[in-house]
Amino acid sequence: MAEHEDWIRGLAADERFGRRDRLGSLHLVRPEVRPEVACGAMSGQTVSLVRRLVDEKNARGDGRPGYRLDVYMSESRRDGVLFGSSHVELDPHGYRNTHLDAFNHTVIDGRFYSGWPAVIDAAGPSVADFAGGIVTRAVYVDIPGARGTGWIDGDLPVTGADIDAALARVGAVFEPGDALLLDMGRDAYEAHGGTAEIVGVGPDGDRWLAAHDVSVLCADFVGGIALTWAIGLVHVIDCSFVALKAALSQRNRGPVGTLVVAPLPIGGATGANVNPLVLL
């Protein structure tokens, strides 16, 4: 672990995208890919990776909800027309609700990613830096399918060899700047009594992610958090791949699509609940 920590700090010290960068691995998205994926031979099918929001306590354990919805009905003062209104409370981080981490979420060695001081304010990094949205080619990998198991667990986290095997199994090619949709079998694991609170990607898996220029990591279990701090890896956590896996089983074009993520530009926020969409 000490060797891995030293490697993470070495990546951070390189500051690949410059001092106090705001976009991290989104710099890797190839501009030519956007029109290609938008106008390419797509079926028009859209699949969501989101989990339905769960009304439970947040990950900090301070008693506030991770998600709460209050709905009201009010009457117009003029003509008696009724209007429904909603108050939504969201606390995106944790192991239940699908969310994107901003670069002011993780502090190591007293600082955020890219040398930003660990102070949350309007001038620093936040989820608002992703207001332009994320559109890029995406490749789905089924790690349990490649391993021949139902799921992974914390004792055997994902390695680089696992990702290579999953790609080879379906004849897929991962290109620099692609998003990696990393299915580690969380839904099956939880159905058999497992807990989502495990780290699914190990040190060797981290090295694969860094070496292959992943622009966005979408994962069902937690993975790559240290890389978000070290190299600005954009990370969408707590995804569900059940619908995507079912959709891919009905087509003959391989596990490649277009990822679209558009978080609300909340200045200063350390993350946001998102609905990642894959266009097939």
C-alpha atoms as a PDB file:
ATOM      1  CA  MET A   1       0.000   0.000   0.000  1.00  0.00           C
ATOM      2  CA  ALA A   2       2.878   2.371   0.743  1.00  0.00           C
ATOM      3  CA  GLU A   3       4.196   1.854  -2.799  1.00  0.00           C
ATOM      4  CA  HIS A   4       0.742   2.619  -4.227  1.00  0.00           C
ATOM      5  CA  GLU A   5       0.428   5.758  -2.125  1.00  0.00           C
ATOM      6  CA  ASP A   6       3.834   6.948  -3.343  1.00  0.00           C
ATOM      7  CA  TRP A   7       2.744   6.336  -6.935  1.00  0.00           C
ATOM      8  CA  ILE A   8      -0.472   8.326  -6.394  1.00  0.00           C
ATOM      9  CA  ARG A   9       1.498  11.253  -4.966  1.00  0.00           C
ATOM     10  CA  GLY A  10       3.914  11.070  -7.897  1.00  0.00           C
ATOM     11  CA  LEU A  11       1.023  11.366 -10.355  1.00  0.00           C
ATOM     12  CA  ALA A  12      -0.283  14.367  -8.456  1.00  0.00           C
ATOM     13  CA  ALA A  13       3.121  16.032  -8.440  1.00  0.00           C
ATOM     14  CA  ASP A  14       3.330  15.789 -12.248  1.00  0.00           C
ATOM     15  CA  GLU A  15       0.280  18.097 -12.586  1.00  0.00           C
ATOM     16  CA  ARG A  16      -0.402  16.778 -16.074  1.00  0.00           C
ATOM     17  CA  PHE A  17      -3.003  19.422 -16.916  1.00  0.00           C
ATOM     18  CA  GLY A  18      -1.325  22.316 -15.175  1.00  0.00           C
ATOM     19  CA  ARG A  19      -1.558  24.018 -11.814  1.00  0.00           C
ATOM     20  CA  ARG A  20      -5.077  24.579 -10.468  1.00  0.00           C
ATOM     21  CA  ASP A  21      -6.761  22.856 -13.367  1.00  0.00           C
ATOM     22  CA  ARG A  22     -10.563  22.534 -13.289  1.00  0.00           C
ATOM     23  CA  LEU A  23     -11.430  19.849 -15.844  1.00  0.00           C
ATOM     24  CA  GLY A  24      -9.052  16.981 -15.121  1.00  0.00           C
ATOM     25  CA  SER A  25      -9.572  13.937 -17.299  1.00  0.00           C
ATOM     26  CA  LEU A  26     -12.200  15.725 -19.393  1.00  0.00           C
ATOM     27  CA  HIS A  27      -9.238  17.236 -21.248  1.00  0.00           C
ATOM     28  CA  LEU A  28      -8.793  13.729 -22.696  1.00  0.00           C
ATOM     29  CA  VAL A  29     -12.143  13.703 -24.496  1.00  0.00           C
ATOM     30  CA  ARG A  30     -11.334  13.827 -28.197  1.00  0.00           C
ATOM     31  CA  PRO A  31     -13.148  16.766 -29.882  1.00  0.00           C
ATOM     32  CA  GLU A  32     -13.600  14.794 -33.086  1.00  0.00           C
ATOM     33  CA  VAL A  33     -15.486  12.087 -31.199  1.00  0.00           C
ATOM     34  CA  ARG A  34     -18.425  14.294 -30.239  1.00  0.00           C
ATOM     35  CA  PRO A  35     -19.873  14.719 -33.752  1.00  0.00           C
ATOM     36  CA  GLU A  36     -18.875  11.142 -34.531  1.00  0.00           C
ATOM     37  CA  VAL A  37     -20.843   9.680 -31.651  1.00  0.00           C
ATOM     38  CA  ALA A  38     -23.720  12.088 -32.153  1.00  0.00           C
ATOM     39  CA  CYS A  39     -24.141  11.362 -35.867  1.00  0.00           C
ATOM     40  CA  GLY A  40     -22.824   7.815 -36.042  1.00  0.00           C
ATOM     41  CA  ALA A  41     -24.778   4.636 -36.548  1.00  0.00           C
ATOM     42  CA  MET A  42     -26.766   4.780 -33.332  1.00  0.00           C
ATOM     43  CA  SER A  43     -29.994   2.888 -32.787  1.00  0.00           C
ATOM     44  CA  GLY A  44     -31.526   5.793 -30.873  1.00  0.00           C
ATOM     45  CA  GLN A  45     -31.971   3.690 -27.764  1.00  0.00           C
ATOM     46  CA  THR A  46     -31.203   5.457 -24.484  1.00  0.00           C
ATOM     47  CA  VAL A  47     -30.289   3.558 -21.312  1.00  0.00           C
ATOM     48  CA  SER A  48     -29.890   5.118 -17.871  1.00  0.00           C
ATOM     49  CA  LEU A  49     -27.236   4.073 -15.356  1.00  0.00           C
ATOM     50  CA  VAL A  50     -29.011   5.814 -12.469  1.00  0.00           C
ATOM     51  CA  ARG A  51     -30.258   4.207  -9.281  1.00  0.00           C
ATOM     52  CA  ARG A  52     -33.601   5.355  -7.958  1.00  0.00           C
ATOM     53  CA  LEU A  53     -32.990   7.883  -5.191  1.00  0.00           C
ATOM     54  CA  VAL A  54     -33.215   6.329  -1.747  1.00  0.00           C
ATOM     55  CA  ASP A  55     -34.584   8.253   1.229  1.00  0.00           C
ATOM     56  CA  GLU A  56     -32.052   7.499   3.944  1.00  0.00           C
ATOM     57  CA  LYS A  57     -29.479   9.211   6.148  1.00  0.00           C
ATOM     58  CA  ASN A  58     -26.409  10.667   4.490  1.00  0.00           C
ATOM     59  CA  ALA A  59     -22.920   9.172   4.607  1.00  0.00           C
ATOM     60  CA  ARG A  60     -21.695  11.632   7.268  1.00  0.00           C
ATOM     61  CA  GLY A  61     -24.076  10.217   9.866  1.00  0.00           C
ATOM     62  CA  ASP A  62     -25.165  13.644  11.122  1.00  0.00           C
ATOM     63  CA  GLY A  63     -28.870  12.823  10.908  1.00  0.00           C
ATOM     64  CA  ARG A  64     -29.609  14.806   7.753  1.00  0.00           C
ATOM     65  CA  PRO A  65     -31.209  12.949   4.842  1.00  0.00           C
ATOM     66  CA  GLY A  66     -29.270  11.796   1.823  1.00  0.00           C
ATOM     67  CA  TYR A  67     -32.457  12.473  -0.125  1.00  0.00           C
ATOM     68  CA  ARG A  68     -35.854  13.853   0.808  1.00  0.00           C
ATOM     69  CA  LEU A  69     -38.818  15.020  -1.235  1.00  0.00           C
ATOM     70  CA  ASP A  70     -41.661  17.194   0.073  1.00  0.00           C
ATOM     71  CA  VAL A  71     -44.579  17.876  -2.284  1.00  0.00           C
ATOM     72  CA  TYR A  72     -47.091  20.682  -1.780  1.00  0.00           C
ATOM     73  CA  MET A  73     -50.341  21.727  -3.437  1.00  0.00           C
ATOM     74  CA  SER A  74     -51.132  25.425  -3.511  1.00  0.00           C
ATOM     75  CA  GLU A  75     -54.007  27.421  -4.964  1.00  0.00           C
ATOM     76  CA  SER A  76     -53.630  30.374  -7.282  1.00  0.00           C
ATOM     77  CA  ARG A  77     -54.672  33.614  -5.611  1.00  0.00           C
ATOM     78  CA  ARG A  78     -56.611  34.741  -8.680  1.00  0.00           C
ATOM     79  CA  ASP A  79     -58.549  31.927 -10.301  1.00  0.00           C
ATOM     80  CA  GLY A  80     -58.564  28.898  -8.047  1.00  0.00           C
ATOM     81  CA  VAL A  81     -56.152  26.880 -10.185  1.00  0.00           C
ATOM     82  CA  LEU A  82     -54.043  24.414  -8.171  1.00  0.00           C
ATOM     83  CA  PHE A  83     -50.309  23.996  -8.631  1.00  0.00           C
ATOM     84  CA  GLY A  84     -48.097  21.241  -7.328  1.00  0.00           C
ATOM     85  CA  SER A  85     -44.672  22.230  -6.049  1.00  0.00           C
ATOM     86  CA  SER A  86     -41.740  20.294  -4.669  1.00  0.00           C
ATOM     87  CA  HIS A  87     -38.899  20.805  -2.223  1.00  0.00           C
ATOM     88  CA  VAL A  88     -35.992  18.411  -2.810  1.00  0.00           C
ATOM     89  CA  GLU A  89     -33.081  17.866  -0.430  1.00  0.00           C
ATOM     90  CA  LEU A  90     -30.025  16.088  -1.845  1.00  0.00           C
ATOM     91  CA  ASP A  91     -26.794  15.027  -0.171  1.00  0.00           C
ATOM     92  CA  PRO A  92     -25.132  13.210  -3.059  1.00  0.00           C
ATOM     93  CA  HIS A  93     -22.145  11.402  -1.543  1.00  0.00           C
ATOM     94  CA  GLY A  94     -22.246   7.902  -0.135  1.00  0.00           C
ATOM     95  CA  TYR A  95     -22.917   4.394  -1.364  1.00  0.00           C
ATOM     96  CA  ARG A  96     -26.563   4.539  -2.446  1.00  0.00           C
ATOM     97  CA  ASN A  97     -27.460   7.337  -4.846  1.00  0.00           C
ATOM     98  CA  THR A  98     -25.783   7.806  -8.241  1.00  0.00           C
ATOM     99  CA  HIS A  99     -23.554  10.867  -8.147  1.00  0.00           C
ATOM    100  CA  LEU A 100     -20.561  12.656  -9.635  1.00  0.00           C
ATOM    101  CA  ASP A 101     -17.671  13.732  -7.397  1.00  0.00           C
ATOM    102  CA  ALA A 102     -16.260  17.220  -7.881  1.00  0.00           C
ATOM    103  CA  PHE A 103     -12.595  18.025  -7.350  1.00  0.00           C
ATOM    104  CA  ASN A 104     -13.281  19.698  -3.999  1.00  0.00           C
ATOM    105  CA  HIS A 105     -14.573  16.445  -2.518  1.00  0.00           C
ATOM    106  CA  THR A 106     -11.264  14.740  -1.657  1.00  0.00           C
ATOM    107  CA  VAL A 107      -8.431  16.239   0.396  1.00  0.00           C
ATOM    108  CA  ILE A 108      -5.041  14.521   0.599  1.00  0.00           C
ATOM    109  CA  ASP A 109      -1.912  16.137   1.996  1.00  0.00           C
ATOM    110  CA  GLY A 110      -3.962  19.210   2.857  1.00  0.00           C
ATOM    111  CA  ARG A 111      -5.079  20.065  -0.675  1.00  0.00           C
ATOM    112  CA  PHE A 112      -7.542  19.260  -3.426  1.00  0.00           C
ATOM    113  CA  TYR A 113      -6.670  18.050  -6.928  1.00  0.00           C
ATOM    114  CA  SER A 114      -4.142  20.098  -8.911  1.00  0.00           C
ATOM    115  CA  GLY A 115      -2.823  22.071  -5.962  1.00  0.00           C
ATOM    116  CA  TRP A 116      -6.072  23.798  -5.059  1.00  0.00           C
ATOM    117  CA  PRO A 117      -6.106  24.789  -1.376  1.00  0.00           C
ATOM    118  CA  ALA A 118      -8.544  22.764   0.690  1.00  0.00           C
ATOM    119  CA  VAL A 119     -10.993  25.618   1.092  1.00  0.00           C
ATOM    120  CA  ILE A 120     -14.525  25.401  -0.253  1.00  0.00           C
ATOM    121  CA  ASP A 121     -15.433  28.758  -1.741  1.00  0.00           C
ATOM    122  CA  ALA A 122     -16.753  30.271  -4.947  1.00  0.00           C
ATOM    123  CA  ALA A 123     -13.266  30.669  -6.432  1.00  0.00           C
ATOM    124  CA  GLY A 124     -12.195  27.057  -6.022  1.00  0.00           C
ATOM    125  CA  PRO A 125     -13.097  23.899  -7.934  1.00  0.00           C
ATOM    126  CA  SER A 126     -16.639  22.551  -7.696  1.00  0.00           C
ATOM    127  CA  VAL A 127     -19.229  20.613  -9.637  1.00  0.00           C
ATOM    128  CA  ALA A 128     -20.046  23.861 -11.462  1.00  0.00           C
ATOM    129  CA  ASP A 129     -16.841  23.329 -13.474  1.00  0.00           C
ATOM    130  CA  PHE A 130     -18.667  20.549 -15.339  1.00  0.00           C
ATOM    131  CA  ALA A 131     -21.505  22.830 -16.465  1.00  0.00           C
ATOM    132  CA  GLY A 132     -20.598  22.196 -20.097  1.00  0.00           C
ATOM    133  CA  GLY A 133     -21.678  18.604 -19.667  1.00  0.00           C
ATOM    134  CA  ILE A 134     -19.913  15.391 -20.597  1.00  0.00           C
ATOM    135  CA  VAL A 135     -20.342  13.718 -23.983  1.00  0.00           C
ATOM    136  CA  THR A 136     -17.899  11.035 -25.061  1.00  0.00           C
ATOM    137  CA  ARG A 137     -17.557   7.545 -26.455  1.00  0.00           C
ATOM    138  CA  ALA A 138     -18.111   4.932 -23.768  1.00  0.00           C
ATOM    139  CA  VAL A 139     -17.055   1.300 -23.474  1.00  0.00           C
ATOM    140  CA  TYR A 140     -18.821  -1.139 -21.136  1.00  0.00           C
ATOM    141  CA  VAL A 141     -16.832  -3.887 -19.415  1.00  0.00           C
ATOM    142  CA  ASP A 142     -18.404  -6.763 -17.501  1.00  0.00           C
ATOM    143  CA  ILE A 143     -15.810  -7.845 -14.931  1.00  0.00           C
ATOM    144  CA  PRO A 144     -17.861 -10.686 -13.351  1.00  0.00           C
ATOM    145  CA  GLY A 145     -18.586 -12.024 -16.833  1.00  0.00           C
ATOM    146  CA  ALA A 146     -14.870 -12.107 -17.628  1.00  0.00           C
ATOM    147  CA  ARG A 147     -14.042 -13.716 -14.301  1.00  0.00           C
ATOM    148  CA  GLY A 148     -16.866 -16.234 -14.537  1.00  0.00           C
ATOM    149  CA  THR A 149     -18.264 -15.100 -11.190  1.00  0.00           C
ATOM    150  CA  GLY A 150     -21.424 -13.292 -10.139  1.00  0.00           C
ATOM    151  CA  TRP A 151     -19.621 -10.277  -8.718  1.00  0.00           C
ATOM    152  CA  ILE A 152     -16.353  -8.990  -7.288  1.00  0.00           C
ATOM    153  CA  ASP A 153     -15.756  -8.314  -3.622  1.00  0.00           C
ATOM    154  CA  GLY A 154     -13.330  -6.327  -1.512  1.00  0.00           C
ATOM    155  CA  ASP A 155     -10.939  -9.259  -1.128  1.00  0.00           C
ATOM    156  CA  LEU A 156     -10.404  -9.536  -4.888  1.00  0.00           C
ATOM    157  CA  PRO A 157     -10.647  -6.001  -6.314  1.00  0.00           C
ATOM    158  CA  VAL A 158     -10.490  -5.298 -10.020  1.00  0.00           C
ATOM    159  CA  THR A 159      -7.061  -5.483 -11.662  1.00  0.00           C
ATOM    160  CA  GLY A 160      -5.800  -4.260 -14.992  1.00  0.00           C
ATOM    161  CA  ALA A 161      -5.803  -7.850 -16.220  1.00  0.00           C
ATOM    162  CA  ASP A 162      -9.499  -8.080 -15.364  1.00  0.00           C
ATOM    163  CA  ILE A 163     -10.285  -5.052 -17.538  1.00  0.00           C
ATOM    164  CA  ASP A 164      -8.177  -6.376 -20.416  1.00  0.00           C
ATOM    165  CA  ALA A 165      -9.892  -9.767 -20.159  1.00  0.00           C
ATOM    166  CA  ALA A 166     -13.348  -8.161 -20.157  1.00  0.00           C
ATOM    167  CA  LEU A 167     -12.484  -6.141 -23.278  1.00  0.00           C
ATOM    168  CA  ALA A 168     -10.995  -9.153 -25.064  1.00  0.00           C
ATOM    169  CA  ARG A 169     -14.019 -11.293 -24.213  1.00  0.00           C
ATOM    170  CA  VAL A 170     -16.270  -9.113 -26.369  1.00  0.00           C
ATOM    171  CA  GLY A 171     -13.683  -7.892 -28.861  1.00  0.00           C
ATOM    172  CA  ALA A 172     -13.878  -4.277 -27.684  1.00  0.00           C
ATOM    173  CA  VAL A 173     -11.117  -1.701 -28.044  1.00  0.00           C
ATOM    174  CA  PHE A 174     -10.699   1.058 -25.483  1.00  0.00           C
ATOM    175  CA  GLU A 175      -9.379   4.302 -26.941  1.00  0.00           C
ATOM    176  CA  PRO A 176      -7.725   7.136 -24.967  1.00  0.00           C
ATOM    177  CA  GLY A 177     -10.386   9.634 -23.948  1.00  0.00           C
ATOM    178  CA  ASP A 178     -13.185   7.068 -23.794  1.00  0.00           C
ATOM    179  CA  ALA A 179     -15.358   6.690 -20.725  1.00  0.00           C
ATOM    180  CA  LEU A 180     -15.089   3.318 -18.991  1.00  0.00           C
ATOM    181  CA  LEU A 181     -18.369   1.829 -17.768  1.00  0.00           C
ATOM    182  CA  LEU A 182     -17.038  -0.554 -15.131  1.00  0.00           C
ATOM    183  CA  ASP A 183     -19.580  -3.208 -14.089  1.00  0.00           C
ATOM    184  CA  MET A 184     -18.390  -5.083 -11.001  1.00  0.00           C
ATOM    185  CA  GLY A 185     -21.636  -6.930 -10.304  1.00  0.00           C
ATOM    186  CA  ARG A 186     -22.905  -4.819  -7.438  1.00  0.00           C
ATOM    187  CA  ASP A 187     -26.604  -5.551  -7.966  1.00  0.00           C
ATOM    188  CA  ALA A 188     -26.049  -9.316  -7.883  1.00  0.00           C
ATOM    189  CA  TYR A 189     -23.732  -8.916  -4.883  1.00  0.00           C
ATOM    190  CA  GLU A 190     -26.328  -6.952  -2.924  1.00  0.00           C
ATOM    191  CA  ALA A 191     -29.085  -9.402  -3.903  1.00  0.00           C
ATOM    192  CA  HIS A 192     -27.039 -12.077  -2.127  1.00  0.00           C
ATOM    193  CA  GLY A 193     -26.628 -10.006   1.010  1.00  0.00           C
ATOM    194  CA  GLY A 194     -23.434  -8.107   0.256  1.00  0.00           C
ATOM    195  CA  THR A 195     -22.840  -4.464   1.089  1.00  0.00           C
ATOM    196  CA  ALA A 196     -22.008  -1.688  -1.367  1.00  0.00           C
ATOM    197  CA  GLU A 197     -19.456  -0.242   1.024  1.00  0.00           C
ATOM    198  CA  ILE A 198     -16.402  -1.858  -0.539  1.00  0.00           C
ATOM    199  CA  VAL A 199     -13.660  -0.547  -2.802  1.00  0.00           C
ATOM    200  CA  GLY A 200     -14.018  -2.383  -6.089  1.00  0.00           C
ATOM    201  CA  VAL A 201     -10.837  -1.262  -7.883  1.00  0.00           C
ATOM    202  CA  GLY A 202      -7.447  -2.221  -6.496  1.00  0.00           C
ATOM    203  CA  PRO A 203      -4.022  -0.608  -6.965  1.00  0.00           C
ATOM    204  CA  ASP A 204      -3.353  -2.546 -10.161  1.00  0.00           C
ATOM    205  CA  GLY A 205      -6.712  -1.424 -11.536  1.00  0.00           C
ATOM    206  CA  ASP A 206      -5.818   2.173 -10.693  1.00  0.00           C
ATOM    207  CA  ARG A 207      -2.653   1.830 -12.755  1.00  0.00           C
ATOM    208  CA  TRP A 208      -4.669   0.605 -15.746  1.00  0.00           C
ATOM    209  CA  LEU A 209      -7.068   3.559 -15.474  1.00  0.00           C
ATOM    210  CA  ALA A 210      -4.202   6.057 -15.351  1.00  0.00           C
ATOM    211  CA  ALA A 211      -2.225   4.433 -18.173  1.00  0.00           C
ATOM    212  CA  HIS A 212      -5.178   4.192 -20.574  1.00  0.00           C
ATOM    213  CA  ASP A 213      -6.310   7.836 -20.359  1.00  0.00           C
ATOM    214  CA  VAL A 214      -9.828   7.158 -19.112  1.00  0.00           C
ATOM    215  CA  SER A 215     -11.839  10.378 -19.381  1.00  0.00           C
ATOM    216  CA  VAL A 216     -14.728   9.306 -17.132  1.00  0.00           C
ATOM    217  CA  LEU A 217     -15.073   6.309 -14.848  1.00  0.00           C
ATOM    218  CA  CYS A 218     -18.651   5.166 -14.275  1.00  0.00           C
ATOM    219  CA  ALA A 219     -18.717   2.393 -11.687  1.00  0.00           C
ATOM    220  CA  ASP A 220     -21.187   0.541  -9.493  1.00  0.00           C
ATOM    221  CA  PHE A 221     -18.761   0.038  -6.603  1.00  0.00           C
ATOM    222  CA  VAL A 222     -16.346   2.765  -5.501  1.00  0.00           C
ATOM    223  CA  GLY A 223     -13.130   2.858  -7.515  1.00  0.00           C
ATOM    224  CA  GLY A 224     -10.453   5.321  -8.520  1.00  0.00           C
ATOM    225  CA  ILE A 225     -11.096   7.908  -5.786  1.00  0.00           C
ATOM    226  CA  ALA A 226      -7.377   8.491  -5.234  1.00  0.00           C
ATOM    227  CA  LEU A 227      -7.018   9.093  -8.980  1.00  0.00           C
ATOM    228  CA  THR A 228      -9.649  11.826  -8.827  1.00  0.00           C
ATOM    229  CA  TRP A 229      -7.320  13.622  -6.432  1.00  0.00           C
ATOM    230  CA  ALA A 230      -4.095  12.726  -8.256  1.00  0.00           C
ATOM    231  CA  ILE A 231      -4.963  13.231 -11.935  1.00  0.00           C
ATOM    232  CA  GLY A 232      -8.488  14.654 -11.956  1.00  0.00           C
ATOM    233  CA  LEU A 233     -10.209  11.427 -13.010  1.00  0.00           C
ATOM    234  CA  VAL A 234     -13.894  12.297 -13.343  1.00  0.00           C
ATOM    235  CA  HIS A 235     -15.808   9.677 -11.389  1.00  0.00           C
ATOM    236  CA  VAL A 236     -19.518   8.796 -11.452  1.00  0.00           C
ATOM    237  CA  ILE A 237     -20.266   6.487  -8.532  1.00  0.00           C
ATOM    238  CA  ASP A 238     -23.108   4.121  -7.585  1.00  0.00           C
ATOM    239  CA  CYS A 239     -24.176   3.394 -11.147  1.00  0.00           C
ATOM    240  CA  SER A 240     -26.467   0.514 -12.039  1.00  0.00           C
ATOM    241  CA  PHE A 241     -25.675  -1.544 -15.131  1.00  0.00           C
ATOM    242  CA  VAL A 242     -28.694  -3.855 -15.056  1.00  0.00           C
ATOM    243  CA  ALA A 243     -30.600  -2.027 -17.820  1.00  0.00           C
ATOM    244  CA  LEU A 244     -27.490  -1.475 -19.952  1.00  0.00           C
ATOM    245  CA  LYS A 245     -26.429  -5.112 -19.738  1.00  0.00           C
ATOM    246  CA  ALA A 246     -29.914  -6.220 -20.792  1.00  0.00           C
ATOM    247  CA  ALA A 247     -29.952  -3.766 -23.711  1.00  0.00           C
ATOM    248  CA  LEU A 248     -26.523  -4.851 -24.931  1.00  0.00           C
ATOM    249  CA  SER A 249     -27.577  -8.497 -24.894  1.00  0.00           C
ATOM    250  CA  GLN A 250     -30.185  -7.641 -27.557  1.00  0.00           C
ATOM    251  CA  ARG A 251     -27.788  -6.058 -30.039  1.00  0.00           C
ATOM    252  CA  ASN A 252     -24.887  -7.240 -32.173  1.00  0.00           C
ATOM    253  CA  ARG A 253     -22.691  -4.146 -32.241  1.00  0.00           C
ATOM    254  CA  GLY A 254     -20.605  -4.638 -29.123  1.00  0.00           C
ATOM    255  CA  PRO A 255     -20.448  -2.800 -25.799  1.00  0.00           C
ATOM    256  CA  VAL A 256     -19.840   0.708 -27.169  1.00  0.00           C
ATOM    257  CA  GLY A 257     -22.115   3.738 -26.916  1.00  0.00           C
ATOM    258  CA  THR A 258     -22.125   7.411 -26.044  1.00  0.00           C
ATOM    259  CA  LEU A 259     -22.078   8.629 -22.451  1.00  0.00           C
ATOM    260  CA  VAL A 260     -23.962  11.825 -21.607  1.00  0.00           C
ATOM    261  CA  VAL A 261     -23.809  13.425 -18.143  1.00  0.00           C
ATOM    262  CA  ALA A 262     -25.041  16.950 -17.391  1.00  0.00           C
ATOM    263  CA  PRO A 263     -24.748  17.894 -13.685  1.00  0.00           C
ATOM    264  CA  LEU A 264     -26.422  20.998 -12.320  1.00  0.00           C
ATOM    265  CA  PRO A 265     -23.831  23.829 -12.103  1.00  0.00           C
ATOM    266  CA  ILE A 266     -24.055  24.365  -8.344  1.00  0.00           C
ATOM    267  CA  GLY A 267     -21.214  26.706  -7.416  1.00  0.00           C
ATOM    268  CA  GLY A 268     -19.121  25.405  -4.532  1.00  0.00           C
ATOM    269  CA  ALA A 269     -20.845  22.000  -4.419  1.00  0.00           C
ATOM    270  CA  THR A 270     -18.601  18.983  -3.836  1.00  0.00           C
ATOM    271  CA  GLY A 271     -20.695  16.721  -6.040  1.00  0.00           C
ATOM    272  CA  ALA A 272     -24.117  16.245  -7.567  1.00  0.00           C
ATOM    273  CA  ASN A 273     -26.654  13.501  -8.094  1.00  0.00           C
ATOM    274  CA  VAL A 274     -26.707  12.735 -11.814  1.00  0.00           C
ATOM    275  CA  ASN A 275     -28.541  10.561 -14.325  1.00  0.00           C
ATOM    276  CA  PRO A 276     -25.839   9.135 -16.620  1.00  0.00           C
ATOM    277  CA  LEU A 277     -27.293   8.196 -20.001  1.00  0.00           C
ATOM    278  CA  VAL A 278     -25.813   5.820 -22.560  1.00  0.00           C
ATOM    279  CA  LEU A 279     -26.938   6.212 -26.175  1.00  0.00           C
ATOM    280  CA  LEU A 280     -26.708   2.983 -28.138  1.00  0.00           C
END
